[in-house]
N, C-alpha and C. Protein backbone atom coordinates (compact mmCIF):
# COMPACT_ATOMS: atom_id res chain seq x y z
N MET A 1 0.82 -1.19 0.00
CA MET A 1 0.00 0.00 0.00
C MET A 1 0.87 1.26 0.00
N LYS A 2 1.94 1.26 0.82
CA LYS A 2 2.80 2.43 0.87
C LYS A 2 3.50 2.66 -0.46
N LYS A 3 3.84 1.57 -1.18
CA LYS A 3 4.49 1.72 -2.47
C LYS A 3 3.57 2.38 -3.48
N ILE A 4 2.29 2.19 -3.32
CA ILE A 4 1.31 2.80 -4.22
C ILE A 4 1.06 4.25 -3.81
N LEU A 5 0.95 4.49 -2.51
CA LEU A 5 0.63 5.83 -2.02
C LEU A 5 1.75 6.83 -2.26
N LEU A 6 3.00 6.38 -2.18
CA LEU A 6 4.12 7.30 -2.34
C LEU A 6 4.13 7.96 -3.72
N PRO A 7 3.99 7.20 -4.82
CA PRO A 7 3.93 7.87 -6.13
C PRO A 7 2.69 8.75 -6.27
N ILE A 8 1.57 8.30 -5.71
CA ILE A 8 0.35 9.11 -5.78
C ILE A 8 0.57 10.42 -5.04
N LEU A 9 1.16 10.34 -3.85
CA LEU A 9 1.46 11.54 -3.08
C LEU A 9 2.37 12.46 -3.86
N ALA A 10 3.40 11.91 -4.43
CA ALA A 10 4.35 12.73 -5.17
C ALA A 10 3.67 13.41 -6.36
N ILE A 11 2.80 12.70 -7.05
CA ILE A 11 2.09 13.29 -8.19
C ILE A 11 1.16 14.41 -7.70
N LEU A 12 0.51 14.17 -6.57
CA LEU A 12 -0.36 15.20 -6.02
C LEU A 12 0.44 16.44 -5.62
N VAL A 13 1.62 16.22 -5.07
CA VAL A 13 2.48 17.35 -4.69
C VAL A 13 2.87 18.13 -5.93
N LEU A 14 3.24 17.42 -6.97
CA LEU A 14 3.60 18.11 -8.21
C LEU A 14 2.42 18.85 -8.81
N ALA A 15 1.26 18.23 -8.75
CA ALA A 15 0.06 18.90 -9.26
C ALA A 15 -0.20 20.18 -8.49
N CYS A 16 -0.04 20.09 -7.17
CA CYS A 16 -0.22 21.28 -6.33
C CYS A 16 0.84 22.33 -6.67
N ALA A 17 2.08 21.87 -6.83
CA ALA A 17 3.16 22.80 -7.15
C ALA A 17 2.91 23.47 -8.50
N ALA A 18 2.42 22.70 -9.46
CA ALA A 18 2.15 23.27 -10.77
C ALA A 18 1.02 24.28 -10.72
N SER A 19 0.00 23.98 -9.92
CA SER A 19 -1.13 24.90 -9.86
C SER A 19 -0.84 26.11 -9.00
N CYS A 20 0.07 25.98 -8.06
CA CYS A 20 0.38 27.09 -7.15
C CYS A 20 1.63 27.84 -7.59
N GLY A 21 2.28 27.40 -8.63
CA GLY A 21 3.53 28.00 -9.06
C GLY A 21 4.68 27.15 -8.55
N SER A 22 5.84 27.42 -9.01
CA SER A 22 7.00 26.61 -8.64
C SER A 22 7.36 26.83 -7.19
N ILE A 23 7.42 25.74 -6.44
CA ILE A 23 7.74 25.83 -5.01
C ILE A 23 9.15 26.33 -4.81
N GLN A 24 10.09 25.76 -5.53
CA GLN A 24 11.47 26.15 -5.31
C GLN A 24 11.72 27.59 -5.74
N SER A 25 11.17 28.01 -6.85
CA SER A 25 11.41 29.38 -7.29
C SER A 25 10.73 30.36 -6.35
N THR A 26 9.59 29.99 -5.78
CA THR A 26 8.92 30.85 -4.82
C THR A 26 9.76 30.99 -3.57
N ALA A 27 10.38 29.89 -3.14
CA ALA A 27 11.17 29.92 -1.92
C ALA A 27 12.39 30.79 -2.07
N THR A 28 12.95 30.89 -3.27
CA THR A 28 14.19 31.63 -3.44
C THR A 28 13.99 32.99 -4.07
N SER A 29 12.81 33.29 -4.55
CA SER A 29 12.60 34.57 -5.20
C SER A 29 12.52 35.69 -4.17
N SER A 30 12.99 36.84 -4.56
CA SER A 30 12.82 37.98 -3.69
C SER A 30 11.52 38.65 -4.07
N THR A 31 10.80 39.09 -3.08
CA THR A 31 9.49 39.64 -3.34
C THR A 31 9.60 41.15 -3.47
N ALA A 32 9.36 41.63 -4.67
CA ALA A 32 9.43 43.06 -4.90
C ALA A 32 8.19 43.75 -4.38
N ASN A 33 7.05 43.07 -4.44
CA ASN A 33 5.80 43.68 -4.00
C ASN A 33 5.29 42.93 -2.78
N ALA A 34 5.42 43.53 -1.62
CA ALA A 34 5.03 42.87 -0.38
C ALA A 34 3.63 43.27 0.07
N THR A 35 2.86 43.83 -0.84
CA THR A 35 1.50 44.23 -0.50
C THR A 35 0.68 43.00 -0.12
N THR A 36 -0.08 43.11 0.97
CA THR A 36 -0.90 42.00 1.40
C THR A 36 -1.79 41.55 0.25
N GLY A 37 -1.82 40.25 0.03
CA GLY A 37 -2.63 39.69 -1.04
C GLY A 37 -1.84 39.37 -2.29
N THR A 38 -0.65 39.95 -2.43
CA THR A 38 0.13 39.67 -3.63
C THR A 38 1.50 39.09 -3.31
N SER A 39 1.93 39.12 -2.08
CA SER A 39 3.27 38.63 -1.76
C SER A 39 3.31 37.12 -1.69
N ASP A 40 4.51 36.58 -1.85
CA ASP A 40 4.70 35.14 -1.75
C ASP A 40 4.31 34.64 -0.36
N LEU A 41 4.63 35.42 0.66
CA LEU A 41 4.30 34.98 2.02
C LEU A 41 2.80 35.04 2.28
N PHE A 42 2.10 35.97 1.69
CA PHE A 42 0.64 35.98 1.83
C PHE A 42 0.06 34.70 1.22
N LYS A 43 0.53 34.36 0.03
CA LYS A 43 0.05 33.16 -0.65
C LYS A 43 0.42 31.89 0.13
N ALA A 44 1.64 31.86 0.66
CA ALA A 44 2.05 30.72 1.48
C ALA A 44 1.18 30.64 2.73
N GLY A 45 0.88 31.79 3.32
CA GLY A 45 0.01 31.83 4.49
C GLY A 45 -1.38 31.31 4.18
N GLU A 46 -1.91 31.68 3.04
CA GLU A 46 -3.23 31.17 2.63
C GLU A 46 -3.23 29.66 2.53
N GLN A 47 -2.21 29.12 1.86
CA GLN A 47 -2.12 27.68 1.69
C GLN A 47 -1.95 26.97 3.03
N LEU A 48 -1.12 27.54 3.89
CA LEU A 48 -0.92 26.96 5.22
C LEU A 48 -2.20 27.03 6.04
N GLY A 49 -2.87 28.16 6.00
CA GLY A 49 -4.12 28.31 6.75
C GLY A 49 -5.16 27.30 6.29
N ALA A 50 -5.28 27.11 4.98
CA ALA A 50 -6.25 26.15 4.45
C ALA A 50 -5.88 24.72 4.85
N ALA A 51 -4.60 24.38 4.81
CA ALA A 51 -4.16 23.03 5.18
C ALA A 51 -4.39 22.78 6.67
N LEU A 52 -4.09 23.77 7.49
CA LEU A 52 -4.32 23.61 8.94
C LEU A 52 -5.81 23.48 9.23
N LYS A 53 -6.62 24.22 8.49
CA LYS A 53 -8.07 24.09 8.66
C LYS A 53 -8.53 22.69 8.26
N TYR A 54 -7.96 22.14 7.20
CA TYR A 54 -8.30 20.79 6.77
C TYR A 54 -8.06 19.80 7.92
N PHE A 55 -6.88 19.89 8.54
CA PHE A 55 -6.56 18.97 9.64
C PHE A 55 -7.47 19.20 10.85
N SER A 56 -7.74 20.45 11.16
CA SER A 56 -8.61 20.76 12.28
C SER A 56 -10.02 20.23 12.03
N ASP A 57 -10.54 20.45 10.83
CA ASP A 57 -11.88 19.96 10.49
C ASP A 57 -11.94 18.44 10.56
N GLN A 58 -10.90 17.79 10.03
CA GLN A 58 -10.88 16.33 10.03
C GLN A 58 -10.84 15.79 11.47
N LYS A 59 -10.02 16.41 12.29
CA LYS A 59 -9.92 15.96 13.69
C LYS A 59 -11.22 16.23 14.44
N GLN A 60 -11.84 17.35 14.19
CA GLN A 60 -13.09 17.69 14.85
C GLN A 60 -14.22 16.75 14.41
N THR A 61 -14.25 16.41 13.13
CA THR A 61 -15.29 15.54 12.61
C THR A 61 -15.10 14.08 13.02
N ASN A 62 -13.87 13.59 12.90
CA ASN A 62 -13.60 12.17 13.12
C ASN A 62 -12.95 11.85 14.47
N GLY A 63 -12.55 12.87 15.19
CA GLY A 63 -11.85 12.64 16.45
C GLY A 63 -10.39 12.30 16.26
N LYS A 64 -9.95 12.20 15.01
CA LYS A 64 -8.55 11.89 14.71
C LYS A 64 -8.26 12.28 13.26
N ILE A 65 -6.99 12.22 12.91
CA ILE A 65 -6.58 12.50 11.55
C ILE A 65 -6.35 11.17 10.85
N ASN A 66 -6.91 11.02 9.67
CA ASN A 66 -6.77 9.79 8.89
C ASN A 66 -5.49 9.87 8.06
N TYR A 67 -4.44 9.22 8.56
CA TYR A 67 -3.15 9.26 7.87
C TYR A 67 -3.07 8.29 6.70
N GLU A 68 -4.13 7.57 6.42
CA GLU A 68 -4.15 6.69 5.26
C GLU A 68 -4.83 7.34 4.06
N ASP A 69 -5.37 8.52 4.26
CA ASP A 69 -6.04 9.26 3.19
C ASP A 69 -4.98 10.02 2.38
N PRO A 70 -4.91 9.82 1.06
CA PRO A 70 -3.92 10.54 0.24
C PRO A 70 -4.03 12.06 0.36
N THR A 71 -5.22 12.58 0.60
CA THR A 71 -5.38 14.02 0.77
C THR A 71 -4.63 14.51 1.99
N THR A 72 -4.56 13.68 3.01
CA THR A 72 -3.80 14.03 4.21
C THR A 72 -2.33 14.21 3.85
N TYR A 73 -1.79 13.32 3.03
CA TYR A 73 -0.39 13.45 2.62
C TYR A 73 -0.17 14.71 1.80
N LEU A 74 -1.12 15.01 0.93
CA LEU A 74 -1.01 16.23 0.14
C LEU A 74 -1.00 17.46 1.05
N GLN A 75 -1.90 17.49 2.02
CA GLN A 75 -1.96 18.63 2.94
C GLN A 75 -0.68 18.73 3.78
N MET A 76 -0.11 17.58 4.16
CA MET A 76 1.16 17.60 4.89
C MET A 76 2.26 18.19 4.01
N ALA A 77 2.27 17.81 2.74
CA ALA A 77 3.26 18.34 1.81
C ALA A 77 3.10 19.85 1.64
N VAL A 78 1.86 20.31 1.56
CA VAL A 78 1.60 21.75 1.45
C VAL A 78 2.16 22.48 2.67
N ILE A 79 1.94 21.92 3.85
CA ILE A 79 2.44 22.55 5.07
C ILE A 79 3.96 22.59 5.08
N VAL A 80 4.59 21.47 4.77
CA VAL A 80 6.05 21.40 4.82
C VAL A 80 6.67 22.35 3.79
N GLN A 81 6.19 22.32 2.57
CA GLN A 81 6.78 23.17 1.53
C GLN A 81 6.58 24.66 1.83
N ASN A 82 5.40 25.02 2.31
CA ASN A 82 5.17 26.43 2.62
C ASN A 82 5.91 26.86 3.88
N ALA A 83 6.15 25.94 4.80
CA ALA A 83 6.97 26.26 5.98
C ALA A 83 8.38 26.63 5.54
N LYS A 84 8.89 25.94 4.52
CA LYS A 84 10.21 26.28 3.98
C LYS A 84 10.20 27.66 3.35
N ILE A 85 9.15 27.98 2.65
CA ILE A 85 9.04 29.29 2.01
C ILE A 85 9.05 30.39 3.06
N ILE A 86 8.26 30.23 4.10
CA ILE A 86 8.20 31.29 5.11
C ILE A 86 9.49 31.38 5.90
N LYS A 87 10.15 30.25 6.13
CA LYS A 87 11.41 30.29 6.87
C LYS A 87 12.44 31.16 6.14
N ALA A 88 12.44 31.09 4.83
CA ALA A 88 13.40 31.85 4.04
C ALA A 88 13.12 33.35 4.03
N ASN A 89 11.89 33.76 4.35
CA ASN A 89 11.51 35.16 4.13
C ASN A 89 10.76 35.86 5.26
N TYR A 90 10.44 35.19 6.34
CA TYR A 90 9.49 35.74 7.29
C TYR A 90 10.03 36.86 8.19
N LYS A 91 11.31 37.09 8.23
CA LYS A 91 11.87 38.07 9.17
C LYS A 91 11.61 39.52 8.76
N ASP A 92 11.32 39.75 7.51
CA ASP A 92 10.96 41.09 7.04
C ASP A 92 9.58 41.44 7.61
N LYS A 93 9.47 42.59 8.28
CA LYS A 93 8.22 42.95 8.97
C LYS A 93 7.02 43.05 8.02
N THR A 94 7.24 43.62 6.85
CA THR A 94 6.14 43.73 5.89
C THR A 94 5.70 42.35 5.43
N GLN A 95 6.68 41.51 5.15
CA GLN A 95 6.37 40.14 4.73
C GLN A 95 5.67 39.38 5.86
N TYR A 96 6.12 39.59 7.08
CA TYR A 96 5.52 38.90 8.23
C TYR A 96 4.05 39.29 8.37
N THR A 97 3.76 40.55 8.20
CA THR A 97 2.38 41.02 8.27
C THR A 97 1.54 40.37 7.18
N ALA A 98 2.09 40.29 5.97
CA ALA A 98 1.37 39.65 4.86
C ALA A 98 1.16 38.16 5.17
N LEU A 99 2.14 37.51 5.76
CA LEU A 99 2.03 36.10 6.12
C LEU A 99 0.89 35.89 7.11
N VAL A 100 0.84 36.70 8.14
CA VAL A 100 -0.22 36.58 9.15
C VAL A 100 -1.59 36.79 8.51
N GLU A 101 -1.69 37.77 7.64
CA GLU A 101 -2.97 38.02 6.97
C GLU A 101 -3.38 36.83 6.10
N GLY A 102 -2.42 36.24 5.41
CA GLY A 102 -2.71 35.06 4.61
C GLY A 102 -3.17 33.89 5.47
N LEU A 103 -2.48 33.66 6.58
CA LEU A 103 -2.86 32.59 7.50
C LEU A 103 -4.29 32.79 8.01
N LYS A 104 -4.58 34.00 8.41
CA LYS A 104 -5.91 34.30 8.95
C LYS A 104 -7.00 34.15 7.88
N SER A 105 -6.68 34.51 6.65
CA SER A 105 -7.71 34.55 5.61
C SER A 105 -8.26 33.17 5.24
N LYS A 106 -7.48 32.12 5.36
CA LYS A 106 -7.93 30.80 4.91
C LYS A 106 -8.05 29.77 6.04
N SER A 107 -7.81 30.18 7.26
CA SER A 107 -7.82 29.20 8.35
C SER A 107 -9.18 29.06 9.03
N GLY A 108 -10.17 29.79 8.56
CA GLY A 108 -11.48 29.68 9.18
C GLY A 108 -11.47 30.12 10.63
N GLU A 109 -10.77 31.18 10.92
CA GLU A 109 -10.67 31.76 12.26
C GLU A 109 -9.87 30.92 13.25
N LEU A 110 -9.16 29.90 12.77
CA LEU A 110 -8.28 29.14 13.66
C LEU A 110 -7.06 29.96 14.05
N ILE A 111 -6.56 30.75 13.11
CA ILE A 111 -5.38 31.56 13.34
C ILE A 111 -5.82 33.01 13.45
N ASN A 112 -5.33 33.66 14.51
CA ASN A 112 -5.67 35.05 14.77
C ASN A 112 -4.41 35.79 15.24
N GLU A 113 -4.56 37.05 15.55
CA GLU A 113 -3.41 37.85 16.00
C GLU A 113 -2.75 37.27 17.25
N GLU A 114 -3.56 36.67 18.12
CA GLU A 114 -3.03 36.16 19.39
C GLU A 114 -2.19 34.89 19.23
N ASN A 115 -2.53 34.03 18.28
CA ASN A 115 -1.79 32.77 18.17
C ASN A 115 -0.91 32.70 16.91
N ALA A 116 -0.91 33.72 16.09
CA ALA A 116 -0.15 33.69 14.83
C ALA A 116 1.35 33.53 15.08
N ASP A 117 1.90 34.23 16.06
CA ASP A 117 3.33 34.13 16.33
C ASP A 117 3.72 32.70 16.71
N ALA A 118 2.91 32.05 17.54
CA ALA A 118 3.20 30.67 17.96
C ALA A 118 3.10 29.72 16.78
N VAL A 119 2.11 29.93 15.92
CA VAL A 119 1.96 29.07 14.73
C VAL A 119 3.18 29.22 13.83
N ILE A 120 3.58 30.44 13.56
CA ILE A 120 4.72 30.69 12.68
C ILE A 120 6.00 30.14 13.29
N GLU A 121 6.18 30.31 14.58
CA GLU A 121 7.37 29.78 15.26
C GLU A 121 7.46 28.26 15.11
N THR A 122 6.35 27.57 15.27
CA THR A 122 6.33 26.11 15.11
C THR A 122 6.63 25.72 13.67
N LEU A 123 6.02 26.42 12.73
CA LEU A 123 6.27 26.12 11.32
C LEU A 123 7.74 26.29 10.95
N VAL A 124 8.34 27.36 11.44
CA VAL A 124 9.72 27.68 11.07
C VAL A 124 10.73 26.79 11.81
N THR A 125 10.52 26.56 13.09
CA THR A 125 11.54 25.84 13.87
C THR A 125 11.37 24.32 13.85
N LYS A 126 10.17 23.84 13.70
CA LYS A 126 9.95 22.40 13.80
C LYS A 126 9.64 21.76 12.44
N ILE A 127 8.76 22.37 11.68
CA ILE A 127 8.30 21.71 10.45
C ILE A 127 9.24 21.98 9.27
N ALA A 128 9.71 23.20 9.11
CA ALA A 128 10.58 23.51 7.97
C ALA A 128 11.88 22.71 8.01
N ASN A 129 12.33 22.34 9.19
CA ASN A 129 13.58 21.60 9.33
C ASN A 129 13.40 20.10 9.47
N SER A 130 12.17 19.62 9.40
CA SER A 130 11.91 18.21 9.67
C SER A 130 12.40 17.31 8.55
N ASP A 131 12.64 16.06 8.89
CA ASP A 131 13.01 15.06 7.89
C ASP A 131 11.88 14.87 6.88
N THR A 132 10.65 15.09 7.33
CA THR A 132 9.51 14.97 6.42
C THR A 132 9.68 15.94 5.26
N GLY A 133 10.14 17.14 5.57
CA GLY A 133 10.36 18.12 4.52
C GLY A 133 11.38 17.64 3.50
N LYS A 134 12.45 17.03 3.97
CA LYS A 134 13.47 16.50 3.07
C LYS A 134 12.91 15.34 2.26
N GLN A 135 12.12 14.49 2.89
CA GLN A 135 11.53 13.35 2.18
C GLN A 135 10.54 13.82 1.12
N VAL A 136 9.74 14.82 1.47
CA VAL A 136 8.79 15.35 0.49
C VAL A 136 9.54 15.92 -0.71
N GLN A 137 10.61 16.67 -0.45
CA GLN A 137 11.39 17.24 -1.56
C GLN A 137 12.01 16.14 -2.41
N ASN A 138 12.53 15.09 -1.78
CA ASN A 138 13.08 13.96 -2.54
C ASN A 138 12.00 13.31 -3.40
N ASN A 139 10.81 13.15 -2.81
CA ASN A 139 9.70 12.56 -3.57
C ASN A 139 9.31 13.43 -4.75
N VAL A 140 9.32 14.74 -4.54
CA VAL A 140 9.00 15.66 -5.63
C VAL A 140 10.04 15.51 -6.74
N ASN A 141 11.31 15.46 -6.37
CA ASN A 141 12.36 15.31 -7.38
C ASN A 141 12.24 13.98 -8.12
N ASN A 142 11.96 12.90 -7.37
CA ASN A 142 11.80 11.59 -8.00
C ASN A 142 10.59 11.58 -8.93
N THR A 143 9.53 12.23 -8.51
CA THR A 143 8.32 12.25 -9.33
C THR A 143 8.53 13.07 -10.59
N LYS A 144 9.29 14.15 -10.48
CA LYS A 144 9.59 14.93 -11.69
C LYS A 144 10.29 14.06 -12.72
N GLY A 145 11.22 13.23 -12.27
CA GLY A 145 11.90 12.31 -13.18
C GLY A 145 10.93 11.31 -13.79
N TRP A 146 10.04 10.77 -12.96
CA TRP A 146 9.05 9.82 -13.45
C TRP A 146 8.15 10.48 -14.48
N ILE A 147 7.75 11.70 -14.20
CA ILE A 147 6.86 12.42 -15.12
C ILE A 147 7.57 12.67 -16.44
N ASP A 148 8.83 13.06 -16.37
CA ASP A 148 9.58 13.28 -17.61
C ASP A 148 9.65 12.01 -18.45
N GLU A 149 9.85 10.87 -17.79
CA GLU A 149 9.95 9.59 -18.49
C GLU A 149 8.61 9.13 -19.09
N HIS A 150 7.52 9.57 -18.50
CA HIS A 150 6.20 9.09 -18.92
C HIS A 150 5.30 10.21 -19.44
N GLN A 151 5.92 11.23 -20.00
CA GLN A 151 5.16 12.38 -20.46
C GLN A 151 4.14 12.01 -21.53
N ASP A 152 4.47 11.07 -22.40
CA ASP A 152 3.53 10.69 -23.45
C ASP A 152 2.25 10.07 -22.86
N THR A 153 2.40 9.28 -21.82
CA THR A 153 1.22 8.69 -21.16
C THR A 153 0.41 9.77 -20.45
N ILE A 154 1.09 10.70 -19.82
CA ILE A 154 0.41 11.80 -19.12
C ILE A 154 -0.37 12.65 -20.13
N ASP A 155 0.27 12.95 -21.27
CA ASP A 155 -0.41 13.73 -22.30
C ASP A 155 -1.66 13.00 -22.80
N ALA A 156 -1.53 11.69 -23.01
CA ALA A 156 -2.68 10.89 -23.48
C ALA A 156 -3.79 10.90 -22.44
N LEU A 157 -3.43 10.81 -21.18
CA LEU A 157 -4.43 10.85 -20.12
C LEU A 157 -5.15 12.19 -20.10
N ASN A 158 -4.41 13.27 -20.29
CA ASN A 158 -5.04 14.60 -20.34
C ASN A 158 -6.00 14.72 -21.51
N VAL A 159 -5.63 14.17 -22.67
CA VAL A 159 -6.53 14.18 -23.83
C VAL A 159 -7.79 13.38 -23.49
N LEU A 160 -7.60 12.23 -22.89
CA LEU A 160 -8.75 11.40 -22.51
C LEU A 160 -9.66 12.14 -21.55
N LEU A 161 -9.09 12.80 -20.55
CA LEU A 161 -9.90 13.56 -19.58
C LEU A 161 -10.64 14.71 -20.25
N ASP A 162 -9.98 15.35 -21.22
CA ASP A 162 -10.65 16.44 -21.93
C ASP A 162 -11.85 15.95 -22.74
N THR A 163 -11.78 14.73 -23.24
CA THR A 163 -12.91 14.20 -24.00
C THR A 163 -14.09 13.83 -23.11
N LEU A 164 -13.84 13.66 -21.82
CA LEU A 164 -14.90 13.28 -20.89
C LEU A 164 -15.67 14.48 -20.36
N LYS A 165 -15.26 15.67 -20.69
CA LYS A 165 -15.93 16.87 -20.19
C LYS A 165 -17.29 17.03 -20.82
């Protein structure tokens, strides 16, 4: 089961990365426009807030988090990758403000002014440096190679999906 879930997780991470923009380029880019709503940290905050809300909702509904659900792995990857992004850029006060606003905007009131500092501290000190983050990045790199090798099949699948609309 794990051998099947790992490639699925990696594909989901890549799909998320493709739809959200390049994770690595976002992490290393300098943000010229730090206006709330347009900065990289605001966007990372939105994604983090939504992922944290997902886990909170799941725990509230089921009394626990279902770690066998592929969506759970995707949300974990979103948290780890965005934690890396904020770690690289969060010390700038303008960026920090944008990050907090992004977190608040998508967390469903889970994150507020009172707990934002603690949330960010945990993301930066514990999650951004975790082995999970390194494993997710390795999986992303491995999946990119797999995708390159199987691009013709992926293209055919996209054509097939387009015909089903």
